Every structure is written in structure tokens, then in C-alpha cells.
Amino acid sequence: METRSRSIAKAASWQALGLVTMSVLGFLFTGSLTAGGGLALASCLLGFFTYLAHERLWAGIRWGWSSTVRATTAQGDHGN
């Protein structure tokens, strides 16, 4: 299982990329930086928390992991 800080860093970097992308799309569709940026920010915040919850849920599911990954995880990371 990966650490919480890694999950948070991944979620933040993904959402930063999404914020830029959605801001551009929002501007193209609305013609307004304010409206496009507002929609992008709302999407970013919602996406950040849902992605983080999704990652943490999947980090605890053992299905699909090789025995090497399970053994390494059991010895090292304890959810720090």
C-alpha cells in the first residue's frame, strides 16, 4: 500500500493538470475566464477528494497485486 502523502501528492498533481485543462475548456465554452475558472475550480475540488478516496480505497484492496508487492508492502509501509 502506498503512503497517504504519496496518494495526496498524486491527487494534487492530477488535479492541478485538470484545473488547467478545465479552465481552458471552460473559457472556450463560456467565453469568460471567471465562469470558466469557477467551473474548473469546483470540478478540481470535487475531483481531488473523490480521486483521493478512490486511491485510498484501491490501495487497501489486495486483488491483482503480485505476491512480491504484498510481501514488500507488509514489511515496509504501514500507512504513514
C-alpha atoms as a PDB file:
ATOM      1  CA  MET A   1       0.000   0.000   0.000  1.00  0.00           C
ATOM      2  CA  GLU A   2       1.317   3.455  -0.775  1.00  0.00           C
ATOM      3  CA  THR A   3       1.598   6.137   1.876  1.00  0.00           C
ATOM      4  CA  ARG A   4      -1.075   8.775   2.419  1.00  0.00           C
ATOM      5  CA  SER A   5       1.394  11.511   1.474  1.00  0.00           C
ATOM      6  CA  ARG A   6       2.052   9.798  -1.876  1.00  0.00           C
ATOM      7  CA  SER A   7      -1.692   9.460  -2.510  1.00  0.00           C
ATOM      8  CA  ILE A   8      -2.188  13.143  -1.689  1.00  0.00           C
ATOM      9  CA  ALA A   9       0.719  14.227  -3.927  1.00  0.00           C
ATOM     10  CA  LYS A  10      -0.647  12.164  -6.820  1.00  0.00           C
ATOM     11  CA  ALA A  11      -4.142  13.565  -6.326  1.00  0.00           C
ATOM     12  CA  ALA A  12      -2.835  17.144  -6.137  1.00  0.00           C
ATOM     13  CA  SER A  13      -0.684  16.873  -9.269  1.00  0.00           C
ATOM     14  CA  TRP A  14      -3.515  15.231 -11.200  1.00  0.00           C
ATOM     15  CA  GLN A  15      -5.970  17.913 -10.129  1.00  0.00           C
ATOM     16  CA  ALA A  16      -3.534  20.729 -10.984  1.00  0.00           C
ATOM     17  CA  LEU A  17      -3.351  19.355 -14.506  1.00  0.00           C
ATOM     18  CA  GLY A  18      -7.133  19.021 -14.560  1.00  0.00           C
ATOM     19  CA  LEU A  19      -7.590  22.583 -13.299  1.00  0.00           C
ATOM     20  CA  VAL A  20      -5.560  23.997 -16.175  1.00  0.00           C
ATOM     21  CA  THR A  21      -7.328  21.797 -18.717  1.00  0.00           C
ATOM     22  CA  MET A  22     -10.805  22.586 -17.391  1.00  0.00           C
ATOM     23  CA  SER A  23     -10.048  26.315 -17.196  1.00  0.00           C
ATOM     24  CA  VAL A  24      -9.122  26.361 -20.876  1.00  0.00           C
ATOM     25  CA  LEU A  25     -12.201  24.334 -21.812  1.00  0.00           C
ATOM     26  CA  GLY A  26     -14.423  26.456 -19.579  1.00  0.00           C
ATOM     27  CA  PHE A  27     -13.129  29.621 -21.220  1.00  0.00           C
ATOM     28  CA  LEU A  28     -13.613  28.178 -24.709  1.00  0.00           C
ATOM     29  CA  PHE A  29     -17.203  27.181 -23.947  1.00  0.00           C
ATOM     30  CA  THR A  30     -18.279  30.250 -21.956  1.00  0.00           C
ATOM     31  CA  GLY A  31     -16.025  32.996 -23.309  1.00  0.00           C
ATOM     32  CA  SER A  32     -15.447  34.102 -19.712  1.00  0.00           C
ATOM     33  CA  LEU A  33     -12.340  33.492 -17.630  1.00  0.00           C
ATOM     34  CA  THR A  34     -14.364  33.971 -14.442  1.00  0.00           C
ATOM     35  CA  ALA A  35     -17.108  31.498 -15.344  1.00  0.00           C
ATOM     36  CA  GLY A  36     -14.684  29.005 -16.872  1.00  0.00           C
ATOM     37  CA  GLY A  37     -12.320  29.281 -13.931  1.00  0.00           C
ATOM     38  CA  GLY A  38     -15.152  28.900 -11.419  1.00  0.00           C
ATOM     39  CA  LEU A  39     -16.387  25.747 -13.096  1.00  0.00           C
ATOM     40  CA  ALA A  40     -12.831  24.422 -13.258  1.00  0.00           C
ATOM     41  CA  LEU A  41     -12.188  25.163  -9.579  1.00  0.00           C
ATOM     42  CA  ALA A  42     -15.401  23.450  -8.484  1.00  0.00           C
ATOM     43  CA  SER A  43     -14.525  20.440 -10.621  1.00  0.00           C
ATOM     44  CA  CYS A  44     -10.982  20.411  -9.256  1.00  0.00           C
ATOM     45  CA  LEU A  45     -12.054  20.412  -5.613  1.00  0.00           C
ATOM     46  CA  LEU A  46     -14.655  17.719  -6.129  1.00  0.00           C
ATOM     47  CA  GLY A  47     -12.266  15.664  -8.243  1.00  0.00           C
ATOM     48  CA  PHE A  48      -9.439  15.950  -5.707  1.00  0.00           C
ATOM     49  CA  PHE A  49     -11.422  14.458  -2.874  1.00  0.00           C
ATOM     50  CA  THR A  50     -13.121  11.767  -4.937  1.00  0.00           C
ATOM     51  CA  TYR A  51      -9.802  10.743  -6.532  1.00  0.00           C
ATOM     52  CA  LEU A  52      -8.096  10.634  -3.137  1.00  0.00           C
ATOM     53  CA  ALA A  53     -10.866   8.485  -1.664  1.00  0.00           C
ATOM     54  CA  HIS A  54     -10.749   6.221  -4.726  1.00  0.00           C
ATOM     55  CA  GLU A  55      -6.949   5.798  -4.487  1.00  0.00           C
ATOM     56  CA  ARG A  56      -7.036   5.037  -0.758  1.00  0.00           C
ATOM     57  CA  LEU A  57      -9.827   2.517  -1.244  1.00  0.00           C
ATOM     58  CA  TRP A  58      -7.938   0.719  -4.000  1.00  0.00           C
ATOM     59  CA  ALA A  59      -4.683   0.860  -2.030  1.00  0.00           C
ATOM     60  CA  GLY A  60      -6.301  -1.412   0.555  1.00  0.00           C
ATOM     61  CA  ILE A  61      -7.632  -3.950  -1.936  1.00  0.00           C
ATOM     62  CA  ARG A  62      -5.237  -6.864  -2.354  1.00  0.00           C
ATOM     63  CA  TRP A  63      -6.783  -8.210  -5.581  1.00  0.00           C
ATOM     64  CA  GLY A  64      -4.429  -8.010  -8.552  1.00  0.00           C
ATOM     65  CA  TRP A  65      -1.216  -7.494  -6.576  1.00  0.00           C
ATOM     66  CA  SER A  66       1.660  -9.900  -7.078  1.00  0.00           C
ATOM     67  CA  SER A  67       2.996 -11.776  -4.054  1.00  0.00           C
ATOM     68  CA  THR A  68       6.221  -9.710  -4.289  1.00  0.00           C
ATOM     69  CA  VAL A  69       4.300  -6.461  -3.888  1.00  0.00           C
ATOM     70  CA  ARG A  70       2.296  -7.874  -0.957  1.00  0.00           C
ATOM     71  CA  ALA A  71       5.459  -9.074   0.816  1.00  0.00           C
ATOM     72  CA  THR A  72       7.258  -5.763   0.301  1.00  0.00           C
ATOM     73  CA  THR A  73       4.238  -3.805   1.474  1.00  0.00           C
ATOM     74  CA  ALA A  74       3.796  -5.960   4.567  1.00  0.00           C
ATOM     75  CA  GLN A  75       7.419  -5.334   5.562  1.00  0.00           C
ATOM     76  CA  GLY A  76       7.633  -1.620   4.803  1.00  0.00           C
ATOM     77  CA  ASP A  77       4.796   0.896   4.659  1.00  0.00           C
ATOM     78  CA  HIS A  78       2.279   0.892   7.472  1.00  0.00           C
ATOM     79  CA  GLY A  79       0.059   3.706   6.142  1.00  0.00           C
ATOM     80  CA  ASN A  80       2.329   6.593   7.160  1.00  0.00           C
END
